[in-house]
């Protein structure tokens, strides 16, 4: 619906399809959606779901690290603090009682 609204409002370039757009869609469809879910469900056949759910907290961490590595974004002290807090939370969840 947003593409249709964009077209009706006369916005230019929103619906332009080029190689970058197609490559981005292919990456999202094949790597992000298909491969990640395939890996996730394979892991669920081998490990407990409660243990694997903790890994979802690492998603923002990997996203930020990807930005630092691939886009040369700055790494701040806040990120280091956040990474330590995430690691502490994961350690607390996985500690044996």
Protein backbone atom coordinates (compact mmCIF):
# COMPACT_ATOMS: atom_id res chain seq x y z
CA UNK A 1 0.00 0.00 0.00
CA UNK A 2 2.87 2.38 0.69
CA UNK A 3 4.28 1.94 -2.80
CA UNK A 4 0.85 2.74 -4.26
CA UNK A 5 0.48 5.79 -2.00
CA UNK A 6 3.96 6.94 -2.98
CA UNK A 7 3.09 6.63 -6.66
CA UNK A 8 -0.22 8.48 -6.21
CA UNK A 9 1.48 11.30 -4.31
CA UNK A 10 4.01 11.73 -7.10
CA UNK A 11 7.13 10.86 -5.14
CA UNK A 12 9.99 10.04 -7.45
CA UNK A 13 12.55 7.30 -6.93
CA UNK A 14 10.61 5.38 -4.32
CA UNK A 15 9.60 2.60 -6.69
CA UNK A 16 12.77 2.62 -8.80
CA UNK A 17 14.06 -0.91 -9.28
CA UNK A 18 17.77 -1.23 -9.97
CA UNK A 19 20.54 -3.72 -9.29
CA UNK A 20 21.09 -2.53 -5.73
CA UNK A 21 17.40 -2.87 -4.88
CA UNK A 22 17.25 -6.38 -6.34
CA UNK A 23 20.46 -7.41 -4.57
CA UNK A 24 19.12 -6.04 -1.28
CA UNK A 25 15.86 -7.95 -1.68
CA UNK A 26 17.73 -11.13 -2.57
CA UNK A 27 19.95 -10.72 0.51
CA UNK A 28 16.95 -10.15 2.77
CA UNK A 29 15.06 -13.08 1.31
CA UNK A 30 17.84 -15.63 1.06
CA UNK A 31 20.27 -14.82 3.87
CA UNK A 32 18.23 -12.99 6.48
CA UNK A 33 14.95 -14.86 6.16
CA UNK A 34 15.70 -18.30 4.76
CA UNK A 35 19.17 -19.12 6.06
CA UNK A 36 18.72 -17.62 9.51
CA UNK A 37 15.41 -19.41 10.11
CA UNK A 38 16.87 -22.64 8.77
CA UNK A 39 19.77 -22.34 11.21
CA UNK A 40 17.43 -21.35 14.06
CA UNK A 41 15.11 -24.33 13.59
CA UNK A 42 18.06 -26.68 13.18
CA UNK A 43 19.41 -25.41 16.51
CA UNK A 44 16.00 -25.99 18.10
CA UNK A 45 16.24 -29.68 17.19
CA UNK A 46 19.52 -29.94 19.10
CA UNK A 47 19.19 -27.57 22.09
CA UNK A 48 16.53 -26.42 24.54
CA UNK A 49 14.45 -23.47 23.38
CA UNK A 50 14.97 -21.64 26.68
CA UNK A 51 18.73 -21.71 26.20
CA UNK A 52 18.52 -20.58 22.59
CA UNK A 53 16.12 -17.74 23.35
CA UNK A 54 18.94 -15.97 25.16
CA UNK A 55 20.77 -15.67 21.84
CA UNK A 56 18.12 -13.28 20.59
CA UNK A 57 19.58 -10.70 22.97
CA UNK A 58 22.77 -10.80 20.90
CA UNK A 59 21.03 -9.55 17.75
CA UNK A 60 21.50 -5.82 18.48
CA UNK A 61 25.09 -6.51 19.49
CA UNK A 62 25.85 -8.21 16.16
CA UNK A 63 24.07 -5.42 14.30
CA UNK A 64 26.19 -2.77 15.99
CA UNK A 65 29.41 -4.73 15.45
CA UNK A 66 28.52 -5.14 11.77
CA UNK A 67 28.14 -1.37 11.51
CA UNK A 68 31.55 -0.88 13.10
CA UNK A 69 33.26 -3.44 10.86
CA UNK A 70 31.54 -2.83 7.52
CA UNK A 71 30.48 0.83 7.72
CA UNK A 72 33.33 2.22 9.85
CA UNK A 73 30.93 3.57 12.47
CA UNK A 74 32.47 4.76 15.73
CA UNK A 75 32.62 2.43 18.71
CA UNK A 76 31.63 4.25 21.90
CA UNK A 77 31.98 3.61 25.60
CA UNK A 78 28.18 3.26 25.78
CA UNK A 79 28.38 0.34 23.38
CA UNK A 80 31.04 -1.33 25.50
CA UNK A 81 28.89 -0.85 28.60
CA UNK A 82 25.82 -2.21 26.80
CA UNK A 83 27.80 -5.23 25.57
CA UNK A 84 28.96 -5.95 29.12
CA UNK A 85 25.41 -5.70 30.45
CA UNK A 86 24.14 -8.05 27.74
CA UNK A 87 26.94 -10.52 28.52
CA UNK A 88 26.14 -10.30 32.24
CA UNK A 89 22.46 -10.98 31.54
CA UNK A 90 23.28 -13.99 29.39
CA UNK A 91 25.64 -15.30 32.05
CA UNK A 92 22.97 -14.90 34.73
CA UNK A 93 20.40 -16.77 32.65
CA UNK A 94 22.78 -19.64 31.89
CA UNK A 95 24.26 -20.10 35.34
CA UNK A 96 23.61 -23.44 36.94
CA UNK A 97 21.59 -23.19 40.14
